[in-house]
C-alpha atoms as a PDB file:
ATOM      1  CA  MET A   1      -9.575  -6.319  35.897  1.00  0.00           C
ATOM      2  CA  GLU A   2      -6.770  -5.410  33.492  1.00  0.00           C
ATOM      3  CA  LYS A   3      -3.297  -6.180  34.791  1.00  0.00           C
ATOM      4  CA  GLN A   4      -1.205  -3.059  35.349  1.00  0.00           C
ATOM      5  CA  ASN A   5       2.305  -2.973  33.908  1.00  0.00           C
ATOM      6  CA  VAL A   6       4.941  -3.426  36.576  1.00  0.00           C
ATOM      7  CA  THR A   7       7.579  -0.695  36.414  1.00  0.00           C
ATOM      8  CA  ILE A   8      11.126  -0.366  37.688  1.00  0.00           C
ATOM      9  CA  TYR A   9       9.694   2.038  40.294  1.00  0.00           C
ATOM     10  CA  ASP A  10       7.495  -0.767  41.675  1.00  0.00           C
ATOM     11  CA  VAL A  11      10.500  -3.097  41.933  1.00  0.00           C
ATOM     12  CA  ALA A  12      12.532  -0.412  43.728  1.00  0.00           C
ATOM     13  CA  ARG A  13       9.694   0.323  46.181  1.00  0.00           C
ATOM     14  CA  GLU A  14       9.082  -3.345  47.032  1.00  0.00           C
ATOM     15  CA  SER A  15      12.814  -4.018  47.381  1.00  0.00           C
ATOM     16  CA  GLY A  16      13.465  -0.942  49.511  1.00  0.00           C
ATOM     17  CA  VAL A  17      16.283   0.203  47.232  1.00  0.00           C
ATOM     18  CA  SER A  18      16.794   2.980  44.683  1.00  0.00           C
ATOM     19  CA  MET A  19      15.846   2.646  41.009  1.00  0.00           C
ATOM     20  CA  ALA A  20      19.556   3.046  40.214  1.00  0.00           C
ATOM     21  CA  THR A  21      20.298  -0.095  42.247  1.00  0.00           C
ATOM     22  CA  VAL A  22      17.573  -2.042  40.410  1.00  0.00           C
ATOM     23  CA  SER A  23      19.042  -0.846  37.122  1.00  0.00           C
ATOM     24  CA  ARG A  24      22.513  -2.017  38.166  1.00  0.00           C
ATOM     25  CA  VAL A  25      21.115  -5.461  39.015  1.00  0.00           C
ATOM     26  CA  LEU A  26      19.315  -5.684  35.663  1.00  0.00           C
ATOM     27  CA  ASN A  27      22.462  -4.698  33.759  1.00  0.00           C
ATOM     28  CA  GLY A  28      24.664  -7.214  35.587  1.00  0.00           C
ATOM     29  CA  ASN A  29      26.715  -4.548  37.339  1.00  0.00           C
ATOM     30  CA  SER A  30      28.995  -6.198  39.916  1.00  0.00           C
ATOM     31  CA  ASN A  31      28.924  -3.128  42.158  1.00  0.00           C
ATOM     32  CA  VAL A  32      25.906  -4.424  44.123  1.00  0.00           C
ATOM     33  CA  ARG A  33      26.055  -6.422  47.360  1.00  0.00           C
ATOM     34  CA  GLN A  34      25.053 -10.061  46.902  1.00  0.00           C
ATOM     35  CA  ALA A  35      22.280  -9.861  49.512  1.00  0.00           C
ATOM     36  CA  THR A  36      20.794  -6.778  47.842  1.00  0.00           C
ATOM     37  CA  LYS A  37      21.049  -8.410  44.422  1.00  0.00           C
ATOM     38  CA  GLU A  38      19.212 -11.516  45.637  1.00  0.00           C
ATOM     39  CA  LYS A  39      16.474  -9.408  47.267  1.00  0.00           C
ATOM     40  CA  VAL A  40      15.929  -7.383  44.076  1.00  0.00           C
ATOM     41  CA  LEU A  41      15.924 -10.496  41.862  1.00  0.00           C
ATOM     42  CA  LYS A  42      13.292 -12.117  44.137  1.00  0.00           C
ATOM     43  CA  VAL A  43      11.029  -9.053  43.849  1.00  0.00           C
ATOM     44  CA  ILE A  44      11.518  -9.046  40.071  1.00  0.00           C
ATOM     45  CA  ASP A  45      10.469 -12.701  40.017  1.00  0.00           C
ATOM     46  CA  ASP A  46       7.512 -12.177  42.401  1.00  0.00           C
ATOM     47  CA  LEU A  47       6.184  -9.201  40.414  1.00  0.00           C
ATOM     48  CA  ASP A  48       6.952 -10.863  37.053  1.00  0.00           C
ATOM     49  CA  TYR A  49       8.727  -7.673  35.988  1.00  0.00           C
ATOM     50  CA  ARG A  50       9.848  -7.385  32.346  1.00  0.00           C
ATOM     51  CA  PRO A  51      12.180  -4.469  31.531  1.00  0.00           C
ATOM     52  CA  ASN A  52      10.787  -2.157  28.876  1.00  0.00           C
ATOM     53  CA  ALA A  53      13.303  -2.274  26.015  1.00  0.00           C
ATOM     54  CA  VAL A  54      12.049   1.005  24.536  1.00  0.00           C
ATOM     55  CA  ALA A  55      12.345   2.853  27.832  1.00  0.00           C
ATOM     56  CA  ARG A  56      15.799   1.425  28.436  1.00  0.00           C
ATOM     57  CA  GLY A  57      16.752   2.516  24.936  1.00  0.00           C
ATOM     58  CA  LEU A  58      15.625   6.084  25.572  1.00  0.00           C
ATOM     59  CA  ALA A  59      17.722   6.227  28.718  1.00  0.00           C
ATOM     60  CA  SER A  60      20.867   4.672  27.276  1.00  0.00           C
ATOM     61  CA  LYS A  61      20.391   5.759  23.662  1.00  0.00           C
ATOM     62  CA  LYS A  62      20.758   2.067  22.815  1.00  0.00           C
ATOM     63  CA  THR A  63      17.990  -0.446  22.233  1.00  0.00           C
ATOM     64  CA  THR A  64      20.293  -3.488  21.831  1.00  0.00           C
ATOM     65  CA  THR A  65      18.114  -4.278  18.832  1.00  0.00           C
ATOM     66  CA  VAL A  66      19.278  -4.943  15.279  1.00  0.00           C
ATOM     67  CA  GLY A  67      17.047  -4.840  12.226  1.00  0.00           C
ATOM     68  CA  VAL A  68      17.533  -7.506   9.551  1.00  0.00           C
ATOM     69  CA  ILE A  69      16.036  -6.844   6.106  1.00  0.00           C
ATOM     70  CA  ILE A  70      15.559 -10.062   4.142  1.00  0.00           C
ATOM     71  CA  PRO A  71      14.123 -10.360   0.589  1.00  0.00           C
ATOM     72  CA  ASP A  72      12.324 -13.665   1.148  1.00  0.00           C
ATOM     73  CA  VAL A  73      12.174 -15.526   4.454  1.00  0.00           C
ATOM     74  CA  THR A  74      11.224 -18.739   2.612  1.00  0.00           C
ATOM     75  CA  ASP A  75      14.372 -18.710   0.441  1.00  0.00           C
ATOM     76  CA  GLY A  76      16.914 -21.228   1.751  1.00  0.00           C
ATOM     77  CA  TYR A  77      19.814 -18.957   0.784  1.00  0.00           C
ATOM     78  CA  PHE A  78      18.664 -16.040   2.929  1.00  0.00           C
ATOM     79  CA  SER A  79      17.324 -18.161   5.806  1.00  0.00           C
ATOM     80  CA  SER A  80      20.777 -19.779   6.148  1.00  0.00           C
ATOM     81  CA  LEU A  81      22.350 -16.314   6.334  1.00  0.00           C
ATOM     82  CA  ALA A  82      19.773 -15.284   8.939  1.00  0.00           C
ATOM     83  CA  ARG A  83      20.711 -18.211  11.191  1.00  0.00           C
ATOM     84  CA  GLY A  84      24.315 -17.025  11.330  1.00  0.00           C
ATOM     85  CA  ILE A  85      23.166 -13.479  12.094  1.00  0.00           C
ATOM     86  CA  ASP A  86      20.833 -14.605  14.865  1.00  0.00           C
ATOM     87  CA  ASP A  87      23.402 -16.810  16.620  1.00  0.00           C
ATOM     88  CA  ILE A  88      26.003 -14.030  16.811  1.00  0.00           C
ATOM     89  CA  ALA A  89      23.340 -11.487  17.826  1.00  0.00           C
ATOM     90  CA  THR A  90      22.358 -13.771  20.718  1.00  0.00           C
ATOM     91  CA  MET A  91      26.013 -14.148  21.724  1.00  0.00           C
ATOM     92  CA  TYR A  92      26.394 -10.365  21.947  1.00  0.00           C
ATOM     93  CA  LYS A  93      22.964  -9.919  23.582  1.00  0.00           C
ATOM     94  CA  TYR A  94      21.246  -8.162  20.691  1.00  0.00           C
ATOM     95  CA  ASN A  95      17.617  -8.742  19.794  1.00  0.00           C
ATOM     96  CA  ILE A  96      16.636  -9.182  16.154  1.00  0.00           C
ATOM     97  CA  ILE A  97      13.744  -7.604  14.286  1.00  0.00           C
ATOM     98  CA  LEU A  98      13.347  -9.535  11.040  1.00  0.00           C
ATOM     99  CA  ALA A  99      11.638  -7.662   8.207  1.00  0.00           C
ATOM    100  CA  ASN A 100      10.635  -9.174   4.861  1.00  0.00           C
ATOM    101  CA  SER A 101      11.081  -6.863   1.852  1.00  0.00           C
ATOM    102  CA  ASP A 102       9.701  -9.158  -0.893  1.00  0.00           C
ATOM    103  CA  ASP A 103      12.753  -8.155  -2.972  1.00  0.00           C
ATOM    104  CA  ASN A 104      10.856  -4.956  -3.825  1.00  0.00           C
ATOM    105  CA  PRO A 105      12.870  -1.667  -3.883  1.00  0.00           C
ATOM    106  CA  ASP A 106       9.883   0.410  -2.686  1.00  0.00           C
ATOM    107  CA  LYS A 107       9.183  -1.968   0.176  1.00  0.00           C
ATOM    108  CA  GLU A 108      12.892  -2.103   1.062  1.00  0.00           C
ATOM    109  CA  ALA A 109      12.874   1.683   1.548  1.00  0.00           C
ATOM    110  CA  SER A 110       9.678   1.475   3.601  1.00  0.00           C
ATOM    111  CA  VAL A 111      11.001  -1.360   5.777  1.00  0.00           C
ATOM    112  CA  LEU A 112      14.287   0.497   6.311  1.00  0.00           C
ATOM    113  CA  ASN A 113      12.446   3.587   7.526  1.00  0.00           C
ATOM    114  CA  THR A 114      10.211   1.484   9.790  1.00  0.00           C
ATOM    115  CA  LEU A 115      13.235  -0.114  11.434  1.00  0.00           C
ATOM    116  CA  LEU A 116      14.938   3.267  11.860  1.00  0.00           C
ATOM    117  CA  SER A 117      11.782   4.612  13.542  1.00  0.00           C
ATOM    118  CA  LYS A 118      12.103   1.767  16.067  1.00  0.00           C
ATOM    119  CA  GLN A 119      15.505   3.183  17.023  1.00  0.00           C
ATOM    120  CA  VAL A 120      17.449   0.033  16.109  1.00  0.00           C
ATOM    121  CA  ASP A 121      21.171   0.226  16.875  1.00  0.00           C
ATOM    122  CA  GLY A 122      22.146  -1.227  13.496  1.00  0.00           C
ATOM    123  CA  ILE A 123      20.824  -2.918  10.361  1.00  0.00           C
ATOM    124  CA  ILE A 124      21.906  -5.921   8.330  1.00  0.00           C
ATOM    125  CA  PHE A 125      20.632  -5.714   4.775  1.00  0.00           C
ATOM    126  CA  MET A 126      20.162  -8.730   2.542  1.00  0.00           C
ATOM    127  CA  GLY A 127      18.857  -7.753  -0.872  1.00  0.00           C
ATOM    128  CA  ASN A 128      19.552  -8.524  -4.494  1.00  0.00           C
ATOM    129  CA  GLU A 129      19.717  -4.946  -5.755  1.00  0.00           C
ATOM    130  CA  ILE A 130      21.419  -1.898  -4.248  1.00  0.00           C
ATOM    131  CA  ASN A 131      20.248   1.090  -6.306  1.00  0.00           C
ATOM    132  CA  ASP A 132      21.054   4.801  -5.951  1.00  0.00           C
ATOM    133  CA  ASP A 133      17.853   5.530  -3.991  1.00  0.00           C
ATOM    134  CA  LEU A 134      18.689   2.846  -1.448  1.00  0.00           C
ATOM    135  CA  ARG A 135      22.285   4.107  -1.146  1.00  0.00           C
ATOM    136  CA  ALA A 136      20.915   7.576  -0.431  1.00  0.00           C
ATOM    137  CA  ASP A 137      18.607   6.142   2.246  1.00  0.00           C
ATOM    138  CA  PHE A 138      21.550   4.301   3.808  1.00  0.00           C
ATOM    139  CA  LYS A 139      23.596   7.496   3.889  1.00  0.00           C
ATOM    140  CA  ARG A 140      20.788   9.585   5.406  1.00  0.00           C
ATOM    141  CA  SER A 141      20.032   7.022   8.104  1.00  0.00           C
ATOM    142  CA  ASP A 142      23.107   7.721  10.261  1.00  0.00           C
ATOM    143  CA  CYS A 143      22.688   4.142  11.487  1.00  0.00           C
ATOM    144  CA  PRO A 144      25.382   1.451  11.071  1.00  0.00           C
ATOM    145  CA  ILE A 145      24.498  -0.839   8.141  1.00  0.00           C
ATOM    146  CA  VAL A 146      26.219  -3.990   6.894  1.00  0.00           C
ATOM    147  CA  LEU A 147      25.385  -5.969   3.755  1.00  0.00           C
ATOM    148  CA  ALA A 148      25.288  -9.763   4.083  1.00  0.00           C
ATOM    149  CA  GLY A 149      25.490 -11.764   0.854  1.00  0.00           C
ATOM    150  CA  SER A 150      24.597  -8.597  -1.064  1.00  0.00           C
ATOM    151  CA  VAL A 151      26.964  -6.589  -3.243  1.00  0.00           C
ATOM    152  CA  ASP A 152      27.239  -2.851  -3.728  1.00  0.00           C
ATOM    153  CA  ILE A 153      29.478  -2.011  -6.667  1.00  0.00           C
ATOM    154  CA  ASN A 154      30.122   1.433  -5.124  1.00  0.00           C
ATOM    155  CA  ASN A 155      31.239  -0.054  -1.778  1.00  0.00           C
ATOM    156  CA  SER A 156      29.117   2.567  -0.033  1.00  0.00           C
ATOM    157  CA  VAL A 157      28.552   0.385   3.064  1.00  0.00           C
ATOM    158  CA  PRO A 158      30.488  -2.473   4.714  1.00  0.00           C
ATOM    159  CA  SER A 159      29.717  -5.949   3.368  1.00  0.00           C
ATOM    160  CA  VAL A 160      30.438  -9.674   3.635  1.00  0.00           C
ATOM    161  CA  ASN A 161      30.439 -11.824   0.489  1.00  0.00           C
ATOM    162  CA  ILE A 162      32.391 -14.349  -1.560  1.00  0.00           C
ATOM    163  CA  ASP A 163      34.197 -13.597  -4.828  1.00  0.00           C
ATOM    164  CA  TYR A 164      31.222 -14.214  -7.131  1.00  0.00           C
ATOM    165  CA  THR A 165      33.214 -13.417 -10.278  1.00  0.00           C
ATOM    166  CA  ASP A 166      35.919 -15.952  -9.541  1.00  0.00           C
ATOM    167  CA  ALA A 167      33.398 -18.582  -8.455  1.00  0.00           C
ATOM    168  CA  VAL A 168      31.398 -18.436 -11.695  1.00  0.00           C
ATOM    169  CA  LYS A 169      34.601 -18.314 -13.730  1.00  0.00           C
ATOM    170  CA  ASN A 170      35.753 -21.467 -11.936  1.00  0.00           C
ATOM    171  CA  GLU A 171      32.583 -23.477 -12.569  1.00  0.00           C
ATOM    172  CA  THR A 172      32.369 -22.302 -16.208  1.00  0.00           C
ATOM    173  CA  GLU A 173      35.947 -23.432 -16.823  1.00  0.00           C
ATOM    174  CA  ARG A 174      35.087 -26.860 -15.411  1.00  0.00           C
ATOM    175  CA  LEU A 175      32.286 -27.164 -17.950  1.00  0.00           C
ATOM    176  CA  ILE A 176      34.695 -26.123 -20.721  1.00  0.00           C
ATOM    177  CA  LYS A 177      37.227 -28.757 -19.610  1.00  0.00           C
ATOM    178  CA  ASN A 178      34.451 -31.339 -19.932  1.00  0.00           C
ATOM    179  CA  GLY A 179      34.261 -30.501 -23.643  1.00  0.00           C
ATOM    180  CA  ASN A 180      31.456 -27.936 -23.690  1.00  0.00           C
ATOM    181  CA  SER A 181      31.686 -24.823 -25.858  1.00  0.00           C
ATOM    182  CA  ARG A 182      28.012 -23.822 -26.070  1.00  0.00           C
ATOM    183  CA  ILE A 183      27.437 -22.945 -22.434  1.00  0.00           C
ATOM    184  CA  ALA A 184      24.416 -20.911 -21.342  1.00  0.00           C
ATOM    185  CA  PHE A 185      24.453 -18.323 -18.588  1.00  0.00           C
ATOM    186  CA  ALA A 186      20.994 -18.541 -16.993  1.00  0.00           C
ATOM    187  CA  SER A 187      20.502 -15.581 -14.711  1.00  0.00           C
ATOM    188  CA  GLY A 188      18.090 -13.705 -12.530  1.00  0.00           C
ATOM    189  CA  SER A 189      17.548 -10.012 -13.177  1.00  0.00           C
ATOM    190  CA  MET A 190      20.478  -8.158 -14.753  1.00  0.00           C
ATOM    191  CA  LYS A 191      19.435  -5.106 -12.725  1.00  0.00           C
ATOM    192  CA  GLN A 192      21.147  -6.886  -9.861  1.00  0.00           C
ATOM    193  CA  ASP A 193      24.847  -6.024  -9.755  1.00  0.00           C
ATOM    194  CA  VAL A 194      25.727  -9.475  -8.438  1.00  0.00           C
ATOM    195  CA  ASN A 195      24.528 -10.931 -11.757  1.00  0.00           C
ATOM    196  CA  LYS A 196      25.558  -8.242 -14.241  1.00  0.00           C
ATOM    197  CA  GLU A 197      28.792  -6.917 -12.733  1.00  0.00           C
ATOM    198  CA  TYR A 198      30.138 -10.021 -11.023  1.00  0.00           C
ATOM    199  CA  ARG A 199      28.736 -13.396 -12.147  1.00  0.00           C
ATOM    200  CA  LEU A 200      28.406 -12.528 -15.842  1.00  0.00           C
ATOM    201  CA  LYS A 201      31.981 -11.187 -15.883  1.00  0.00           C
ATOM    202  CA  GLY A 202      33.220 -14.477 -14.440  1.00  0.00           C
ATOM    203  CA  TYR A 203      31.379 -16.394 -17.161  1.00  0.00           C
ATOM    204  CA  VAL A 204      32.753 -14.155 -19.941  1.00  0.00           C
ATOM    205  CA  SER A 205      36.281 -14.326 -18.503  1.00  0.00           C
ATOM    206  CA  ALA A 206      36.235 -18.143 -18.525  1.00  0.00           C
ATOM    207  CA  LEU A 207      35.162 -18.203 -22.177  1.00  0.00           C
ATOM    208  CA  GLU A 208      37.826 -15.695 -23.233  1.00  0.00           C
ATOM    209  CA  ASN A 209      40.557 -17.527 -21.327  1.00  0.00           C
ATOM    210  CA  ASN A 210      39.717 -20.675 -23.256  1.00  0.00           C
ATOM    211  CA  GLY A 211      39.408 -19.126 -26.720  1.00  0.00           C
ATOM    212  CA  ILE A 212      35.607 -19.317 -26.880  1.00  0.00           C
ATOM    213  CA  LYS A 213      33.859 -16.294 -28.359  1.00  0.00           C
ATOM    214  CA  PHE A 214      31.223 -14.765 -26.104  1.00  0.00           C
ATOM    215  CA  ASP A 215      27.718 -15.056 -27.603  1.00  0.00           C
ATOM    216  CA  GLU A 216      25.125 -12.820 -25.959  1.00  0.00           C
ATOM    217  CA  LYS A 217      22.394 -15.124 -27.314  1.00  0.00           C
ATOM    218  CA  LEU A 218      23.530 -17.685 -24.746  1.00  0.00           C
ATOM    219  CA  VAL A 219      22.790 -15.273 -21.877  1.00  0.00           C
ATOM    220  CA  PHE A 220      19.243 -15.740 -20.591  1.00  0.00           C
ATOM    221  CA  GLU A 221      17.844 -13.148 -18.191  1.00  0.00           C
ATOM    222  CA  THR A 222      14.858 -14.379 -16.164  1.00  0.00           C
ATOM    223  CA  LYS A 223      13.080 -13.623 -12.897  1.00  0.00           C
ATOM    224  CA  GLY A 224      15.066 -16.489 -11.408  1.00  0.00           C
ATOM    225  CA  THR A 225      12.086 -18.713 -10.606  1.00  0.00           C
ATOM    226  CA  TYR A 226      11.620 -22.470 -10.991  1.00  0.00           C
ATOM    227  CA  GLU A 227       9.011 -21.859 -13.700  1.00  0.00           C
ATOM    228  CA  ASP A 228      11.446 -19.655 -15.637  1.00  0.00           C
ATOM    229  CA  GLY A 229      14.007 -22.450 -15.603  1.00  0.00           C
ATOM    230  CA  TYR A 230      11.507 -25.086 -16.646  1.00  0.00           C
ATOM    231  CA  ASP A 231      10.341 -23.003 -19.608  1.00  0.00           C
ATOM    232  CA  LEU A 232      13.931 -22.133 -20.549  1.00  0.00           C
ATOM    233  CA  ALA A 233      14.746 -25.804 -21.146  1.00  0.00           C
ATOM    234  CA  GLU A 234      12.896 -25.727 -24.476  1.00  0.00           C
ATOM    235  CA  GLN A 235      15.083 -22.917 -25.789  1.00  0.00           C
ATOM    236  CA  ILE A 236      18.258 -24.574 -24.484  1.00  0.00           C
ATOM    237  CA  ILE A 237      17.419 -27.698 -26.485  1.00  0.00           C
ATOM    238  CA  ASN A 238      16.521 -25.724 -29.625  1.00  0.00           C
ATOM    239  CA  ASP A 239      19.772 -23.736 -29.427  1.00  0.00           C
ATOM    240  CA  LYS A 240      21.838 -26.945 -29.091  1.00  0.00           C
ATOM    241  CA  ILE A 241      23.331 -25.798 -25.789  1.00  0.00           C
ATOM    242  CA  THR A 242      25.216 -28.566 -23.976  1.00  0.00           C
ATOM    243  CA  ALA A 243      25.771 -26.988 -20.553  1.00  0.00           C
ATOM    244  CA  ALA A 244      24.579 -24.116 -18.361  1.00  0.00           C
ATOM    245  CA  VAL A 245      25.542 -22.071 -15.327  1.00  0.00           C
ATOM    246  CA  ALA A 246      22.518 -20.943 -13.280  1.00  0.00           C
ATOM    247  CA  THR A 247      22.690 -18.087 -10.782  1.00  0.00           C
ATOM    248  CA  ASN A 248      20.340 -19.629  -8.216  1.00  0.00           C
ATOM    249  CA  ASP A 249      19.105 -23.064  -7.205  1.00  0.00           C
ATOM    250  CA  GLU A 250      15.394 -22.630  -8.017  1.00  0.00           C
ATOM    251  CA  LEU A 251      16.244 -21.603 -11.560  1.00  0.00           C
ATOM    252  CA  ALA A 252      18.652 -24.544 -11.864  1.00  0.00           C
ATOM    253  CA  ALA A 253      16.034 -26.967 -10.529  1.00  0.00           C
ATOM    254  CA  GLY A 254      13.570 -25.767 -13.167  1.00  0.00           C
ATOM    255  CA  ILE A 255      16.145 -26.202 -15.938  1.00  0.00           C
ATOM    256  CA  LEU A 256      17.016 -29.696 -14.720  1.00  0.00           C
ATOM    257  CA  ASN A 257      13.422 -30.904 -14.558  1.00  0.00           C
ATOM    258  CA  GLY A 258      12.590 -29.167 -17.832  1.00  0.00           C
ATOM    259  CA  MET A 259      15.421 -30.967 -19.602  1.00  0.00           C
ATOM    260  CA  THR A 260      14.626 -34.334 -18.014  1.00  0.00           C
ATOM    261  CA  ASP A 261      10.917 -34.077 -18.889  1.00  0.00           C
ATOM    262  CA  ARG A 262      11.890 -33.356 -22.492  1.00  0.00           C
ATOM    263  CA  GLY A 263      13.961 -36.529 -22.662  1.00  0.00           C
ATOM    264  CA  VAL A 264      17.432 -35.014 -22.263  1.00  0.00           C
ATOM    265  CA  SER A 265      19.837 -37.077 -20.157  1.00  0.00           C
ATOM    266  CA  VAL A 266      21.741 -35.173 -17.439  1.00  0.00           C
ATOM    267  CA  PRO A 267      24.751 -35.148 -17.297  1.00  0.00           C
ATOM    268  CA  GLN A 268      25.388 -37.360 -20.345  1.00  0.00           C
ATOM    269  CA  ASP A 269      23.841 -34.936 -22.874  1.00  0.00           C
ATOM    270  CA  PHE A 270      23.595 -31.751 -20.801  1.00  0.00           C
ATOM    271  CA  GLU A 271      25.599 -30.495 -17.800  1.00  0.00           C
ATOM    272  CA  LEU A 272      24.422 -28.004 -15.202  1.00  0.00           C
ATOM    273  CA  PHE A 273      26.063 -25.952 -12.441  1.00  0.00           C
ATOM    274  CA  THR A 274      24.205 -23.875  -9.871  1.00  0.00           C
ATOM    275  CA  SER A 275      25.405 -21.174  -7.482  1.00  0.00           C
ATOM    276  CA  ASN A 276      23.966 -21.279  -3.954  1.00  0.00           C
ATOM    277  CA  ASN A 277      24.102 -24.913  -2.800  1.00  0.00           C
ATOM    278  CA  THR A 278      20.927 -24.680  -0.728  1.00  0.00           C
ATOM    279  CA  LYS A 279      19.098 -27.865   0.345  1.00  0.00           C
ATOM    280  CA  LEU A 280      17.387 -27.859  -3.038  1.00  0.00           C
ATOM    281  CA  ALA A 281      20.674 -28.668  -4.803  1.00  0.00           C
ATOM    282  CA  LYS A 282      20.893 -31.956  -2.911  1.00  0.00           C
ATOM    283  CA  MET A 283      17.167 -32.744  -3.145  1.00  0.00           C
ATOM    284  CA  MET A 284      17.176 -32.771  -6.955  1.00  0.00           C
ATOM    285  CA  ARG A 285      17.837 -35.936  -8.987  1.00  0.00           C
ATOM    286  CA  PRO A 286      20.469 -35.920 -10.244  1.00  0.00           C
ATOM    287  CA  GLN A 287      21.924 -33.798  -7.452  1.00  0.00           C
ATOM    288  CA  LEU A 288      23.196 -30.406  -8.612  1.00  0.00           C
ATOM    289  CA  SER A 289      26.870 -29.481  -8.826  1.00  0.00           C
ATOM    290  CA  SER A 290      27.301 -26.086  -7.197  1.00  0.00           C
ATOM    291  CA  ILE A 291      29.411 -23.300  -5.815  1.00  0.00           C
ATOM    292  CA  THR A 292      29.318 -23.731  -2.038  1.00  0.00           C
ATOM    293  CA  GLN A 293      29.040 -20.469  -0.166  1.00  0.00           C
ATOM    294  CA  PRO A 294      29.614 -20.413   3.600  1.00  0.00           C
ATOM    295  CA  LEU A 295      26.124 -18.973   4.088  1.00  0.00           C
ATOM    296  CA  TYR A 296      25.993 -19.326   7.867  1.00  0.00           C
ATOM    297  CA  ASP A 297      29.469 -17.759   8.133  1.00  0.00           C
ATOM    298  CA  ILE A 298      28.514 -14.833   5.875  1.00  0.00           C
ATOM    299  CA  GLY A 299      25.628 -14.041   8.235  1.00  0.00           C
ATOM    300  CA  ALA A 300      27.728 -14.565  11.368  1.00  0.00           C
ATOM    301  CA  VAL A 301      30.647 -12.434  10.158  1.00  0.00           C
ATOM    302  CA  ALA A 302      28.246  -9.672   9.015  1.00  0.00           C
ATOM    303  CA  MET A 303      26.682  -9.548  12.482  1.00  0.00           C
ATOM    304  CA  ARG A 304      30.090  -9.480  14.178  1.00  0.00           C
ATOM    305  CA  LEU A 305      31.210  -6.686  11.842  1.00  0.00           C
ATOM    306  CA  LEU A 306      28.068  -4.743  12.734  1.00  0.00           C
ATOM    307  CA  THR A 307      28.706  -5.131  16.484  1.00  0.00           C
ATOM    308  CA  LYS A 308      32.208  -3.723  15.993  1.00  0.00           C
ATOM    309  CA  ILE A 309      30.854  -0.716  14.083  1.00  0.00           C
ATOM    310  CA  MET A 310      28.095  -0.105  16.645  1.00  0.00           C
ATOM    311  CA  ASN A 311      30.620  -0.246  19.495  1.00  0.00           C
ATOM    312  CA  LYS A 312      33.116   1.912  17.588  1.00  0.00           C
ATOM    313  CA  GLU A 313      35.783  -0.810  17.692  1.00  0.00           C
ATOM    314  CA  GLU A 314      38.753  -0.770  15.341  1.00  0.00           C
ATOM    315  CA  ILE A 315      38.000  -2.570  12.063  1.00  0.00           C
ATOM    316  CA  ASP A 316      40.704  -4.007   9.825  1.00  0.00           C
ATOM    317  CA  ASN A 317      38.476  -4.775   6.842  1.00  0.00           C
ATOM    318  CA  ARG A 318      35.070  -3.282   6.063  1.00  0.00           C
ATOM    319  CA  TYR A 319      34.614  -5.345   2.897  1.00  0.00           C
ATOM    320  CA  VAL A 320      35.060  -8.988   3.878  1.00  0.00           C
ATOM    321  CA  VAL A 321      35.429 -11.662   1.172  1.00  0.00           C
ATOM    322  CA  LEU A 322      35.132 -15.221   2.465  1.00  0.00           C
ATOM    323  CA  GLY A 323      36.324 -18.332   0.687  1.00  0.00           C
ATOM    324  CA  TYR A 324      34.116 -20.587  -1.419  1.00  0.00           C
ATOM    325  CA  GLU A 325      34.374 -24.124  -2.722  1.00  0.00           C
ATOM    326  CA  ILE A 326      32.907 -26.033  -5.643  1.00  0.00           C
ATOM    327  CA  VAL A 327      31.198 -29.353  -5.097  1.00  0.00           C
ATOM    328  CA  GLU A 328      30.693 -31.536  -8.160  1.00  0.00           C
ATOM    329  CA  ARG A 329      27.695 -33.817  -7.924  1.00  0.00           C
ATOM    330  CA  ASP A 330      25.737 -35.734 -10.560  1.00  0.00           C
ATOM    331  CA  SER A 331      24.595 -32.873 -12.823  1.00  0.00           C
ATOM    332  CA  THR A 332      28.122 -32.617 -14.254  1.00  0.00           C
ATOM    333  CA  LYS A 333      30.441 -35.291 -15.644  1.00  0.00           C
END
């Protein structure tokens, strides 16, 4: 025989109280006598009652659920952000629906609409590209949205990031101080504003500040994969490039192994900086020098910002920029 769902009505009937009293007990309302509270909680336990989140959402117009759109759940960068989001969500008693978008604009739009149909109270978006279609979807949604580790050059929605331009400028200047003038900028897609409008500008600024002419032939646009980096090593050697800045750790790992397998000594003959400082940066040999982003904090601050927006609290800063550091390991001199 199929088990029937236990409802709040059943709990009220068995407890001999009103449904409003059961609701007050469930919501932690202190305006319930201790004896009544204990009786209701015992019935809830005996009946194995589980409140229906959807039904509660319809009644309160809140589902206490937040949607998190992530490009790749296997990517260490985004999974570290997600941990920060989840911990703060738990603290403020929000449930998380995690949705993988495969870094695909069409799927991002589809996932966004799916989450909105579930009546989520807010959304945290982690994606590499914020295009006009996505901005329009954000605007139409009428649902609070915060970007975590994702940039929108139009500042159309609140966000939490680091100063990517300054960070790349900083690491490029360190390579210049080590005597390098032919420095490659190895990037993921230039359709992504974080690469084209922020990181690349930091790279160019460092060159100009040190009297080095920018050479667009030293800018390599890839899909950002390990394989892309490995294959790129051949061209780096042929072009007599002595150092590189990579925009993500997989790409940097490919470059490092590609150079090593072709007999190039790192860092003696070639220096390499990466940008995300995921576990991969420390797993490589030699270990990769990197920008260190406070990934957990970016996720945590984004979730806290979202709770403030959802609860209509006063917000001092809708576009939060956290600090970064640079850690020099064995891939640089």
